Amino acid sequence: VQLVESGGGLVQPGGSLRLSCGTSGFTFRWFAMNWYRQTPGKGRELVAAISSGGGSTNYADSVTGRFTISRDNAKNTVSLQMNSLKPEDTAVYYCNAKHAILQTEYWGQGTQVTVSS
């Protein structure tokens, strides 16, 4: 099983980034997909979630209206479009796959997002 995030980097406040997560080794369309983030000294925070079919999404209050999660079940990828970025969005962002019934889950290695002027 592999989940590989890409697209992180340094961006100025107000800017945008698009994170992508390529996956392999499991049946992608059976899994809900999530983006978490973590800062030093804090636990992982669920940022955005999308159901296995893509018809349902949920967001943390702190990112609602700024971030958009999407998935492509044909390409086994999930993305997170991040707009109007703020310094407090700085974190390592992790891609997560979770099977709703079996509770099996997989994690990517994370990608650093830094929002700073």
PDB file of N, CA and C in Angstrom:
ATOM      1  N   VAL A   1       0.847  -1.193   0.000  1.00  0.00           N
ATOM      2  CA  VAL A   1       0.000   0.000   0.000  1.00  0.00           C
ATOM      3  C   VAL A   1       0.887   1.248   0.000  1.00  0.00           C
ATOM      4  N   GLN A   2       0.541   2.179  -0.858  1.00  0.00           N
ATOM      5  CA  GLN A   2       1.294   3.437  -0.898  1.00  0.00           C
ATOM      6  C   GLN A   2       0.331   4.616  -1.045  1.00  0.00           C
ATOM      7  N   LEU A   3       0.579   5.649  -0.247  1.00  0.00           N
ATOM      8  CA  LEU A   3      -0.059   6.935  -0.401  1.00  0.00           C
ATOM      9  C   LEU A   3       1.060   7.955  -0.447  1.00  0.00           C
ATOM     10  N   VAL A   4       1.134   8.701  -1.523  1.00  0.00           N
ATOM     11  CA  VAL A   4       2.238   9.628  -1.726  1.00  0.00           C
ATOM     12  C   VAL A   4       1.681  11.029  -1.973  1.00  0.00           C
ATOM     13  N   GLU A   5       1.940  11.916  -1.008  1.00  0.00           N
ATOM     14  CA  GLU A   5       1.488  13.299  -1.138  1.00  0.00           C
ATOM     15  C   GLU A   5       2.494  14.117  -1.929  1.00  0.00           C
ATOM     16  N   SER A   6       1.983  15.121  -2.596  1.00  0.00           N
ATOM     17  CA  SER A   6       2.826  16.074  -3.312  1.00  0.00           C
ATOM     18  C   SER A   6       2.128  17.424  -3.343  1.00  0.00           C
ATOM     19  N   GLY A   7       2.898  18.459  -3.671  1.00  0.00           N
ATOM     20  CA  GLY A   7       2.315  19.781  -3.842  1.00  0.00           C
ATOM     21  C   GLY A   7       2.533  20.743  -2.702  1.00  0.00           C
ATOM     22  N   GLY A   8       3.164  20.278  -1.624  1.00  0.00           N
ATOM     23  CA  GLY A   8       3.434  21.182  -0.530  1.00  0.00           C
ATOM     24  C   GLY A   8       4.543  22.166  -0.875  1.00  0.00           C
ATOM     25  N   GLY A   9       4.734  23.135   0.012  1.00  0.00           N
ATOM     26  CA  GLY A   9       5.786  24.114  -0.223  1.00  0.00           C
ATOM     27  C   GLY A   9       5.575  25.367   0.587  1.00  0.00           C
ATOM     28  N   LEU A  10       6.283  26.413   0.188  1.00  0.00           N
ATOM     29  CA  LEU A  10       6.211  27.714   0.849  1.00  0.00           C
ATOM     30  C   LEU A  10       5.328  28.645   0.017  1.00  0.00           C
ATOM     31  N   VAL A  11       4.383  29.289   0.679  1.00  0.00           N
ATOM     32  CA  VAL A  11       3.486  30.209  -0.018  1.00  0.00           C
ATOM     33  C   VAL A  11       3.225  31.408   0.877  1.00  0.00           C
ATOM     34  N   GLN A  12       2.978  32.544   0.273  1.00  0.00           N
ATOM     35  CA  GLN A  12       2.683  33.747   1.045  1.00  0.00           C
ATOM     36  C   GLN A  12       1.229  33.731   1.534  1.00  0.00           C
ATOM     37  N   PRO A  13       0.959  34.415   2.631  1.00  0.00           N
ATOM     38  CA  PRO A  13      -0.439  34.532   3.083  1.00  0.00           C
ATOM     39  C   PRO A  13      -1.333  35.046   1.960  1.00  0.00           C
ATOM     40  N   GLY A  14      -2.506  34.430   1.849  1.00  0.00           N
ATOM     41  CA  GLY A  14      -3.425  34.770   0.777  1.00  0.00           C
ATOM     42  C   GLY A  14      -3.241  33.954  -0.480  1.00  0.00           C
ATOM     43  N   GLY A  15      -2.165  33.210  -0.540  1.00  0.00           N
ATOM     44  CA  GLY A  15      -1.879  32.403  -1.714  1.00  0.00           C
ATOM     45  C   GLY A  15      -2.616  31.076  -1.719  1.00  0.00           C
ATOM     46  N   SER A  16      -2.305  30.274  -2.731  1.00  0.00           N
ATOM     47  CA  SER A  16      -2.971  28.982  -2.917  1.00  0.00           C
ATOM     48  C   SER A  16      -1.951  27.871  -3.147  1.00  0.00           C
ATOM     49  N   LEU A  17      -2.342  26.687  -2.762  1.00  0.00           N
ATOM     50  CA  LEU A  17      -1.595  25.474  -3.061  1.00  0.00           C
ATOM     51  C   LEU A  17      -2.588  24.366  -3.348  1.00  0.00           C
ATOM     52  N   ARG A  18      -2.150  23.416  -4.148  1.00  0.00           N
ATOM     53  CA  ARG A  18      -2.969  22.228  -4.403  1.00  0.00           C
ATOM     54  C   ARG A  18      -2.167  20.996  -4.029  1.00  0.00           C
ATOM     55  N   LEU A  19      -2.635  20.280  -3.028  1.00  0.00           N
ATOM     56  CA  LEU A  19      -2.005  19.032  -2.627  1.00  0.00           C
ATOM     57  C   LEU A  19      -2.651  17.880  -3.373  1.00  0.00           C
ATOM     58  N   SER A  20      -1.841  16.915  -3.735  1.00  0.00           N
ATOM     59  CA  SER A  20      -2.334  15.700  -4.363  1.00  0.00           C
ATOM     60  C   SER A  20      -1.815  14.483  -3.627  1.00  0.00           C
ATOM     61  N   CYS A  21      -2.578  13.413  -3.685  1.00  0.00           N
ATOM     62  CA  CYS A  21      -2.187  12.153  -3.053  1.00  0.00           C
ATOM     63  C   CYS A  21      -2.444  11.033  -4.050  1.00  0.00           C
ATOM     64  N   GLY A  22      -1.382  10.437  -4.519  1.00  0.00           N
ATOM     65  CA  GLY A  22      -1.490   9.286  -5.390  1.00  0.00           C
ATOM     66  C   GLY A  22      -1.456   8.014  -4.564  1.00  0.00           C
ATOM     67  N   THR A  23      -2.299   7.046  -4.908  1.00  0.00           N
ATOM     68  CA  THR A  23      -2.397   5.840  -4.105  1.00  0.00           C
ATOM     69  C   THR A  23      -2.248   4.589  -4.949  1.00  0.00           C
ATOM     70  N   SER A  24      -1.882   3.512  -4.290  1.00  0.00           N
ATOM     71  CA  SER A  24      -1.805   2.214  -4.945  1.00  0.00           C
ATOM     72  C   SER A  24      -1.823   1.129  -3.881  1.00  0.00           C
ATOM     73  N   GLY A  25      -2.179  -0.071  -4.285  1.00  0.00           N
ATOM     74  CA  GLY A  25      -2.101  -1.214  -3.387  1.00  0.00           C
ATOM     75  C   GLY A  25      -3.357  -1.533  -2.616  1.00  0.00           C
ATOM     76  N   PHE A  26      -4.422  -0.751  -2.831  1.00  0.00           N
ATOM     77  CA  PHE A  26      -5.692  -1.063  -2.195  1.00  0.00           C
ATOM     78  C   PHE A  26      -6.812  -0.582  -3.117  1.00  0.00           C
ATOM     79  N   THR A  27      -8.026  -1.007  -2.831  1.00  0.00           N
ATOM     80  CA  THR A  27      -9.158  -0.661  -3.688  1.00  0.00           C
ATOM     81  C   THR A  27      -9.647   0.731  -3.311  1.00  0.00           C
ATOM     82  N   PHE A  28      -9.122   1.693  -4.011  1.00  0.00           N
ATOM     83  CA  PHE A  28      -9.315   3.107  -3.666  1.00  0.00           C
ATOM     84  C   PHE A  28     -10.793   3.472  -3.536  1.00  0.00           C
ATOM     85  N   ARG A  29     -11.620   2.979  -4.435  1.00  0.00           N
ATOM     86  CA  ARG A  29     -13.009   3.418  -4.473  1.00  0.00           C
ATOM     87  C   ARG A  29     -13.816   2.901  -3.268  1.00  0.00           C
ATOM     88  N   TRP A  30     -13.251   2.012  -2.490  1.00  0.00           N
ATOM     89  CA  TRP A  30     -13.925   1.492  -1.304  1.00  0.00           C
ATOM     90  C   TRP A  30     -13.634   2.321  -0.046  1.00  0.00           C
ATOM     91  N   PHE A  31     -12.720   3.251  -0.167  1.00  0.00           N
ATOM     92  CA  PHE A  31     -12.237   3.971   0.996  1.00  0.00           C
ATOM     93  C   PHE A  31     -12.633   5.444   0.972  1.00  0.00           C
ATOM     94  N   ALA A  32     -13.112   5.940   2.132  1.00  0.00           N
ATOM     95  CA  ALA A  32     -13.178   7.379   2.310  1.00  0.00           C
ATOM     96  C   ALA A  32     -11.754   7.918   2.361  1.00  0.00           C
ATOM     97  N   MET A  33     -11.599   9.134   1.906  1.00  0.00           N
ATOM     98  CA  MET A  33     -10.269   9.749   1.892  1.00  0.00           C
ATOM     99  C   MET A  33     -10.294  11.033   2.706  1.00  0.00           C
ATOM    100  N   ASN A  34      -9.237  11.242   3.442  1.00  0.00           N
ATOM    101  CA  ASN A  34      -9.156  12.372   4.352  1.00  0.00           C
ATOM    102  C   ASN A  34      -7.816  13.080   4.232  1.00  0.00           C
ATOM    103  N   TRP A  35      -7.833  14.350   4.539  1.00  0.00           N
ATOM    104  CA  TRP A  35      -6.595  15.109   4.714  1.00  0.00           C
ATOM    105  C   TRP A  35      -6.531  15.549   6.175  1.00  0.00           C
ATOM    106  N   TYR A  36      -5.413  15.234   6.816  1.00  0.00           N
ATOM    107  CA  TYR A  36      -5.132  15.673   8.175  1.00  0.00           C
ATOM    108  C   TYR A  36      -3.943  16.629   8.117  1.00  0.00           C
ATOM    109  N   ARG A  37      -3.770  17.376   9.183  1.00  0.00           N
ATOM    110  CA  ARG A  37      -2.560  18.173   9.323  1.00  0.00           C
ATOM    111  C   ARG A  37      -2.086  18.127  10.765  1.00  0.00           C
ATOM    112  N   GLN A  38      -0.795  18.376  10.923  1.00  0.00           N
ATOM    113  CA  GLN A  38      -0.198  18.308  12.251  1.00  0.00           C
ATOM    114  C   GLN A  38       0.889  19.355  12.382  1.00  0.00           C
ATOM    115  N   THR A  39       0.883  20.039  13.511  1.00  0.00           N
ATOM    116  CA  THR A  39       1.948  20.980  13.840  1.00  0.00           C
ATOM    117  C   THR A  39       2.705  20.444  15.039  1.00  0.00           C
ATOM    118  N   PRO A  40       3.941  20.896  15.242  1.00  0.00           N
ATOM    119  CA  PRO A  40       4.744  20.383  16.355  1.00  0.00           C
ATOM    120  C   PRO A  40       4.031  20.534  17.691  1.00  0.00           C
ATOM    121  N   GLY A  41       3.999  19.465  18.441  1.00  0.00           N
ATOM    122  CA  GLY A  41       3.407  19.505  19.769  1.00  0.00           C
ATOM    123  C   GLY A  41       1.909  19.320  19.797  1.00  0.00           C
ATOM    124  N   LYS A  42       1.303  19.139  18.636  1.00  0.00           N
ATOM    125  CA  LYS A  42      -0.145  18.956  18.568  1.00  0.00           C
ATOM    126  C   LYS A  42      -0.476  17.647  17.869  1.00  0.00           C
ATOM    127  N   GLY A  43      -1.667  17.144  18.137  1.00  0.00           N
ATOM    128  CA  GLY A  43      -2.131  15.961  17.460  1.00  0.00           C
ATOM    129  C   GLY A  43      -2.586  16.263  16.047  1.00  0.00           C
ATOM    130  N   ARG A  44      -2.856  15.232  15.313  1.00  0.00           N
ATOM    131  CA  ARG A  44      -3.314  15.417  13.943  1.00  0.00           C
ATOM    132  C   ARG A  44      -4.757  15.908  13.941  1.00  0.00           C
ATOM    133  N   GLU A  45      -4.996  16.882  13.098  1.00  0.00           N
ATOM    134  CA  GLU A  45      -6.316  17.505  12.971  1.00  0.00           C
ATOM    135  C   GLU A  45      -6.919  17.112  11.636  1.00  0.00           C
ATOM    136  N   LEU A  46      -8.162  16.644  11.660  1.00  0.00           N
ATOM    137  CA  LEU A  46      -8.852  16.344  10.413  1.00  0.00           C
ATOM    138  C   LEU A  46      -9.228  17.654   9.727  1.00  0.00           C
ATOM    139  N   VAL A  47      -8.759  17.821   8.515  1.00  0.00           N
ATOM    140  CA  VAL A  47      -8.982  19.050   7.765  1.00  0.00           C
ATOM    141  C   VAL A  47     -10.156  18.912   6.807  1.00  0.00           C
ATOM    142  N   ALA A  48     -10.156  17.802   6.063  1.00  0.00           N
ATOM    143  CA  ALA A  48     -11.198  17.603   5.051  1.00  0.00           C
ATOM    144  C   ALA A  48     -11.389  16.116   4.816  1.00  0.00           C
ATOM    145  N   ALA A  49     -12.613  15.735   4.481  1.00  0.00           N
ATOM    146  CA  ALA A  49     -12.939  14.341   4.243  1.00  0.00           C
ATOM    147  C   ALA A  49     -13.866  14.240   3.043  1.00  0.00           C
ATOM    148  N   ILE A  50     -13.737  13.136   2.319  1.00  0.00           N
ATOM    149  CA  ILE A  50     -14.618  12.889   1.187  1.00  0.00           C
ATOM    150  C   ILE A  50     -15.006  11.411   1.205  1.00  0.00           C
ATOM    151  N   SER A  51     -16.259  11.144   0.944  1.00  0.00           N
ATOM    152  CA  SER A  51     -16.752   9.775   0.975  1.00  0.00           C
ATOM    153  C   SER A  51     -16.183   8.966  -0.178  1.00  0.00           C
ATOM    154  N   SER A  52     -16.402   7.653  -0.104  1.00  0.00           N
ATOM    155  CA  SER A  52     -15.802   6.762  -1.099  1.00  0.00           C
ATOM    156  C   SER A  52     -16.267   7.084  -2.525  1.00  0.00           C
ATOM    157  N   GLY A  53     -17.505   7.467  -2.653  1.00  0.00           N
ATOM    158  CA  GLY A  53     -18.033   7.797  -3.976  1.00  0.00           C
ATOM    159  C   GLY A  53     -17.852   9.242  -4.369  1.00  0.00           C
ATOM    160  N   GLY A  54     -17.417  10.046  -3.420  1.00  0.00           N
ATOM    161  CA  GLY A  54     -17.186  11.463  -3.700  1.00  0.00           C
ATOM    162  C   GLY A  54     -18.397  12.350  -3.511  1.00  0.00           C
ATOM    163  N   GLY A  55     -19.521  11.777  -3.096  1.00  0.00           N
ATOM    164  CA  GLY A  55     -20.739  12.571  -3.007  1.00  0.00           C
ATOM    165  C   GLY A  55     -20.904  13.360  -1.735  1.00  0.00           C
ATOM    166  N   SER A  56     -20.060  13.103  -0.756  1.00  0.00           N
ATOM    167  CA  SER A  56     -20.173  13.788   0.528  1.00  0.00           C
ATOM    168  C   SER A  56     -18.811  14.291   0.967  1.00  0.00           C
ATOM    169  N   THR A  57     -18.756  15.532   1.400  1.00  0.00           N
ATOM    170  CA  THR A  57     -17.515  16.119   1.892  1.00  0.00           C
ATOM    171  C   THR A  57     -17.763  16.806   3.231  1.00  0.00           C
ATOM    172  N   ASN A  58     -16.729  16.894   4.020  1.00  0.00           N
ATOM    173  CA  ASN A  58     -16.791  17.599   5.293  1.00  0.00           C
ATOM    174  C   ASN A  58     -15.480  18.331   5.523  1.00  0.00           C
ATOM    175  N   TYR A  59     -15.584  19.454   6.224  1.00  0.00           N
ATOM    176  CA  TYR A  59     -14.403  20.281   6.449  1.00  0.00           C
ATOM    177  C   TYR A  59     -14.340  20.747   7.893  1.00  0.00           C
ATOM    178  N   ALA A  60     -13.132  20.941   8.368  1.00  0.00           N
ATOM    179  CA  ALA A  60     -12.955  21.601   9.655  1.00  0.00           C
ATOM    180  C   ALA A  60     -13.463  23.040   9.531  1.00  0.00           C
ATOM    181  N   ASP A  61     -13.989  23.552  10.627  1.00  0.00           N
ATOM    182  CA  ASP A  61     -14.510  24.925  10.601  1.00  0.00           C
ATOM    183  C   ASP A  61     -13.446  25.921  10.142  1.00  0.00           C
ATOM    184  N   SER A  62     -12.214  25.654  10.523  1.00  0.00           N
ATOM    185  CA  SER A  62     -11.131  26.592  10.245  1.00  0.00           C
ATOM    186  C   SER A  62     -10.788  26.710   8.768  1.00  0.00           C
ATOM    187  N   VAL A  63     -11.222  25.758   7.950  1.00  0.00           N
ATOM    188  CA  VAL A  63     -10.877  25.782   6.526  1.00  0.00           C
ATOM    189  C   VAL A  63     -12.099  25.869   5.623  1.00  0.00           C
ATOM    190  N   THR A  64     -13.284  25.795   6.197  1.00  0.00           N
ATOM    191  CA  THR A  64     -14.500  25.847   5.387  1.00  0.00           C
ATOM    192  C   THR A  64     -14.555  27.124   4.570  1.00  0.00           C
ATOM    193  N   GLY A  65     -14.836  26.953   3.291  1.00  0.00           N
ATOM    194  CA  GLY A  65     -14.899  28.094   2.391  1.00  0.00           C
ATOM    195  C   GLY A  65     -13.575  28.428   1.737  1.00  0.00           C
ATOM    196  N   ARG A  66     -12.496  27.824   2.234  1.00  0.00           N
ATOM    197  CA  ARG A  66     -11.164  28.093   1.666  1.00  0.00           C
ATOM    198  C   ARG A  66     -10.553  26.859   1.028  1.00  0.00           C
ATOM    199  N   PHE A  67     -10.841  25.688   1.581  1.00  0.00           N
ATOM    200  CA  PHE A  67     -10.265  24.440   1.085  1.00  0.00           C
ATOM    201  C   PHE A  67     -11.352  23.612   0.395  1.00  0.00           C
ATOM    202  N   THR A  68     -10.933  22.857  -0.632  1.00  0.00           N
ATOM    203  CA  THR A  68     -11.851  21.963  -1.329  1.00  0.00           C
ATOM    204  C   THR A  68     -11.172  20.626  -1.554  1.00  0.00           C
ATOM    205  N   ILE A  69     -11.823  19.559  -1.099  1.00  0.00           N
ATOM    206  CA  ILE A  69     -11.304  18.214  -1.308  1.00  0.00           C
ATOM    207  C   ILE A  69     -12.027  17.600  -2.504  1.00  0.00           C
ATOM    208  N   SER A  70     -11.288  16.834  -3.303  1.00  0.00           N
ATOM    209  CA  SER A  70     -11.883  16.149  -4.444  1.00  0.00           C
ATOM    210  C   SER A  70     -11.138  14.840  -4.666  1.00  0.00           C
ATOM    211  N   ARG A  71     -11.763  13.940  -5.397  1.00  0.00           N
ATOM    212  CA  ARG A  71     -11.124  12.647  -5.679  1.00  0.00           C
ATOM    213  C   ARG A  71     -11.438  12.231  -7.096  1.00  0.00           C
ATOM    214  N   ASP A  72     -10.558  11.392  -7.632  1.00  0.00           N
ATOM    215  CA  ASP A  72     -10.737  10.810  -8.952  1.00  0.00           C
ATOM    216  C   ASP A  72     -10.587   9.305  -8.793  1.00  0.00           C
ATOM    217  N   ASN A  73     -11.711   8.603  -8.780  1.00  0.00           N
ATOM    218  CA  ASN A  73     -11.663   7.153  -8.544  1.00  0.00           C
ATOM    219  C   ASN A  73     -11.104   6.395  -9.744  1.00  0.00           C
ATOM    220  N   ALA A  74     -11.037   7.017 -10.881  1.00  0.00           N
ATOM    221  CA  ALA A  74     -10.422   6.376 -12.042  1.00  0.00           C
ATOM    222  C   ALA A  74      -8.895   6.438 -11.960  1.00  0.00           C
ATOM    223  N   LYS A  75      -8.395   7.483 -11.322  1.00  0.00           N
ATOM    224  CA  LYS A  75      -6.942   7.660 -11.222  1.00  0.00           C
ATOM    225  C   LYS A  75      -6.409   7.347  -9.832  1.00  0.00           C
ATOM    226  N   ASN A  76      -7.310   6.987  -8.897  1.00  0.00           N
ATOM    227  CA  ASN A  76      -6.907   6.649  -7.530  1.00  0.00           C
ATOM    228  C   ASN A  76      -6.160   7.794  -6.850  1.00  0.00           C
ATOM    229  N   THR A  77      -6.688   8.984  -7.035  1.00  0.00           N
ATOM    230  CA  THR A  77      -6.052  10.156  -6.448  1.00  0.00           C
ATOM    231  C   THR A  77      -7.062  10.990  -5.667  1.00  0.00           C
ATOM    232  N   VAL A  78      -6.551  11.710  -4.695  1.00  0.00           N
ATOM    233  CA  VAL A  78      -7.350  12.668  -3.939  1.00  0.00           C
ATOM    234  C   VAL A  78      -6.552  13.963  -3.865  1.00  0.00           C
ATOM    235  N   SER A  79      -7.257  15.064  -3.921  1.00  0.00           N
ATOM    236  CA  SER A  79      -6.595  16.365  -3.928  1.00  0.00           C
ATOM    237  C   SER A  79      -7.204  17.288  -2.888  1.00  0.00           C
ATOM    238  N   LEU A  80      -6.427  18.280  -2.513  1.00  0.00           N
ATOM    239  CA  LEU A  80      -6.901  19.307  -1.599  1.00  0.00           C
ATOM    240  C   LEU A  80      -6.487  20.660  -2.166  1.00  0.00           C
ATOM    241  N   GLN A  81      -7.455  21.412  -2.642  1.00  0.00           N
ATOM    242  CA  GLN A  81      -7.194  22.759  -3.123  1.00  0.00           C
ATOM    243  C   GLN A  81      -7.305  23.715  -1.950  1.00  0.00           C
ATOM    244  N   MET A  82      -6.235  24.449  -1.691  1.00  0.00           N
ATOM    245  CA  MET A  82      -6.174  25.343  -0.541  1.00  0.00           C
ATOM    246  C   MET A  82      -6.019  26.777  -1.037  1.00  0.00           C
ATOM    247  N   ASN A  83      -6.998  27.589  -0.760  1.00  0.00           N
ATOM    248  CA  ASN A  83      -6.982  28.997  -1.159  1.00  0.00           C
ATOM    249  C   ASN A  83      -6.971  29.885   0.073  1.00  0.00           C
ATOM    250  N   SER A  84      -6.644  31.138  -0.142  1.00  0.00           N
ATOM    251  CA  SER A  84      -6.630  32.132   0.944  1.00  0.00           C
ATOM    252  C   SER A  84      -5.876  31.606   2.156  1.00  0.00           C
ATOM    253  N   LEU A  85      -4.705  31.086   1.903  1.00  0.00           N
ATOM    254  CA  LEU A  85      -3.939  30.450   2.974  1.00  0.00           C
ATOM    255  C   LEU A  85      -3.513  31.461   4.030  1.00  0.00           C
ATOM    256  N   LYS A  86      -3.486  30.980   5.266  1.00  0.00           N
ATOM    257  CA  LYS A  86      -3.121  31.788   6.417  1.00  0.00           C
ATOM    258  C   LYS A  86      -1.907  31.174   7.100  1.00  0.00           C
ATOM    259  N   PRO A  87      -1.149  31.972   7.851  1.00  0.00           N
ATOM    260  CA  PRO A  87      -0.005  31.404   8.574  1.00  0.00           C
ATOM    261  C   PRO A  87      -0.397  30.227   9.467  1.00  0.00           C
ATOM    262  N   GLU A  88      -1.587  30.252  10.015  1.00  0.00           N
ATOM    263  CA  GLU A  88      -2.006  29.153  10.888  1.00  0.00           C
ATOM    264  C   GLU A  88      -2.322  27.866  10.123  1.00  0.00           C
ATOM    265  N   ASP A  89      -2.302  27.912   8.810  1.00  0.00           N
ATOM    266  CA  ASP A  89      -2.438  26.691   8.018  1.00  0.00           C
ATOM    267  C   ASP A  89      -1.107  25.951   7.893  1.00  0.00           C
ATOM    268  N   THR A  90      -0.045  26.553   8.363  1.00  0.00           N
ATOM    269  CA  THR A  90       1.264  25.910   8.316  1.00  0.00           C
ATOM    270  C   THR A  90       1.252  24.615   9.104  1.00  0.00           C
ATOM    271  N   ALA A  91       1.640  23.532   8.449  1.00  0.00           N
ATOM    272  CA  ALA A  91       1.598  22.209   9.085  1.00  0.00           C
ATOM    273  C   ALA A  91       2.140  21.180   8.105  1.00  0.00           C
ATOM    274  N   VAL A  92       2.323  19.977   8.607  1.00  0.00           N
ATOM    275  CA  VAL A  92       2.539  18.834   7.728  1.00  0.00           C
ATOM    276  C   VAL A  92       1.161  18.248   7.418  1.00  0.00           C
ATOM    277  N   TYR A  93       0.875  18.095   6.144  1.00  0.00           N
ATOM    278  CA  TYR A  93      -0.423  17.589   5.699  1.00  0.00           C
ATOM    279  C   TYR A  93      -0.284  16.122   5.295  1.00  0.00           C
ATOM    280  N   TYR A  94      -1.203  15.309   5.804  1.00  0.00           N
ATOM    281  CA  TYR A  94      -1.183  13.875   5.577  1.00  0.00           C
ATOM    282  C   TYR A  94      -2.438  13.423   4.840  1.00  0.00           C
ATOM    283  N   CYS A  95      -2.233  12.553   3.901  1.00  0.00           N
ATOM    284  CA  CYS A  95      -3.321  11.880   3.199  1.00  0.00           C
ATOM    285  C   CYS A  95      -3.662  10.597   3.968  1.00  0.00           C
ATOM    286  N   ASN A  96      -4.945  10.333   4.114  1.00  0.00           N
ATOM    287  CA  ASN A  96      -5.405   9.166   4.877  1.00  0.00           C
ATOM    288  C   ASN A  96      -6.532   8.473   4.124  1.00  0.00           C
ATOM    289  N   ALA A  97      -6.467   7.163   4.105  1.00  0.00           N
ATOM    290  CA  ALA A  97      -7.552   6.360   3.528  1.00  0.00           C
ATOM    291  C   ALA A  97      -8.165   5.529   4.645  1.00  0.00           C
ATOM    292  N   LYS A  98      -9.479   5.511   4.717  1.00  0.00           N
ATOM    293  CA  LYS A  98     -10.128   4.757   5.792  1.00  0.00           C
ATOM    294  C   LYS A  98     -11.357   4.032   5.258  1.00  0.00           C
ATOM    295  N   HIS A  99     -11.429   2.728   5.539  1.00  0.00           N
ATOM    296  CA  HIS A  99     -12.587   1.934   5.162  1.00  0.00           C
ATOM    297  C   HIS A  99     -13.614   2.063   6.276  1.00  0.00           C
ATOM    298  N   ALA A 100     -14.800   2.504   5.929  1.00  0.00           N
ATOM    299  CA  ALA A 100     -15.797   2.850   6.933  1.00  0.00           C
ATOM    300  C   ALA A 100     -16.260   1.662   7.763  1.00  0.00           C
ATOM    301  N   ILE A 101     -16.306   0.488   7.162  1.00  0.00           N
ATOM    302  CA  ILE A 101     -16.817  -0.689   7.875  1.00  0.00           C
ATOM    303  C   ILE A 101     -15.685  -1.468   8.525  1.00  0.00           C
ATOM    304  N   LEU A 102     -14.645  -1.738   7.785  1.00  0.00           N
ATOM    305  CA  LEU A 102     -13.536  -2.540   8.307  1.00  0.00           C
ATOM    306  C   LEU A 102     -12.626  -1.740   9.234  1.00  0.00           C
ATOM    307  N   GLN A 103     -12.713  -0.406   9.147  1.00  0.00           N
ATOM    308  CA  GLN A 103     -11.873   0.491   9.946  1.00  0.00           C
ATOM    309  C   GLN A 103     -10.388   0.371   9.594  1.00  0.00           C
ATOM    310  N   THR A 104     -10.086  -0.278   8.513  1.00  0.00           N
ATOM    311  CA  THR A 104      -8.715  -0.308   8.011  1.00  0.00           C
ATOM    312  C   THR A 104      -8.349   1.085   7.536  1.00  0.00           C
ATOM    313  N   GLU A 105      -7.141   1.504   7.857  1.00  0.00           N
ATOM    314  CA  GLU A 105      -6.723   2.804   7.359  1.00  0.00           C
ATOM    315  C   GLU A 105      -5.243   2.829   7.007  1.00  0.00           C
ATOM    316  N   TYR A 106      -4.916   3.711   6.091  1.00  0.00           N
ATOM    317  CA  TYR A 106      -3.555   3.864   5.606  1.00  0.00           C
ATOM    318  C   TYR A 106      -3.187   5.345   5.615  1.00  0.00           C
ATOM    319  N   TRP A 107      -1.878   5.600   5.761  1.00  0.00           N
ATOM    320  CA  TRP A 107      -1.385   6.976   5.838  1.00  0.00           C
ATOM    321  C   TRP A 107      -0.269   7.211   4.834  1.00  0.00           C
ATOM    322  N   GLY A 108      -0.219   8.432   4.348  1.00  0.00           N
ATOM    323  CA  GLY A 108       0.917   8.866   3.574  1.00  0.00           C
ATOM    324  C   GLY A 108       2.020   9.364   4.487  1.00  0.00           C
ATOM    325  N   GLN A 109       3.122   9.799   3.890  1.00  0.00           N
ATOM    326  CA  GLN A 109       4.287  10.220   4.675  1.00  0.00           C
ATOM    327  C   GLN A 109       4.225  11.695   5.065  1.00  0.00           C
ATOM    328  N   GLY A 110       3.312  12.436   4.453  1.00  0.00           N
ATOM    329  CA  GLY A 110       3.138  13.846   4.780  1.00  0.00           C
ATOM    330  C   GLY A 110       3.895  14.770   3.845  1.00  0.00           C
ATOM    331  N   THR A 111       3.364  15.971   3.702  1.00  0.00           N
ATOM    332  CA  THR A 111       4.019  17.014   2.913  1.00  0.00           C
ATOM    333  C   THR A 111       3.911  18.328   3.676  1.00  0.00           C
ATOM    334  N   GLN A 112       4.999  19.059   3.725  1.00  0.00           N
ATOM    335  CA  GLN A 112       5.051  20.299   4.500  1.00  0.00           C
ATOM    336  C   GLN A 112       4.414  21.451   3.727  1.00  0.00           C
ATOM    337  N   VAL A 113       3.539  22.161   4.405  1.00  0.00           N
ATOM    338  CA  VAL A 113       2.978  23.409   3.877  1.00  0.00           C
ATOM    339  C   VAL A 113       3.372  24.522   4.838  1.00  0.00           C
ATOM    340  N   THR A 114       4.026  25.539   4.307  1.00  0.00           N
ATOM    341  CA  THR A 114       4.444  26.680   5.111  1.00  0.00           C
ATOM    342  C   THR A 114       3.863  27.950   4.506  1.00  0.00           C
ATOM    343  N   VAL A 115       3.105  28.675   5.316  1.00  0.00           N
ATOM    344  CA  VAL A 115       2.501  29.930   4.873  1.00  0.00           C
ATOM    345  C   VAL A 115       3.188  31.063   5.623  1.00  0.00           C
ATOM    346  N   SER A 116       3.974  31.816   4.889  1.00  0.00           N
ATOM    347  CA  SER A 116       4.774  32.862   5.534  1.00  0.00           C
ATOM    348  C   SER A 116       5.160  33.910   4.506  1.00  0.00           C
ATOM    349  N   SER A 117       5.270  35.140   4.975  1.00  0.00           N
ATOM    350  CA  SER A 117       5.730  36.214   4.107  1.00  0.00           C
ATOM    351  C   SER A 117       7.232  36.391   4.224  1.00  0.00           C
TER     352      SER A 117
END
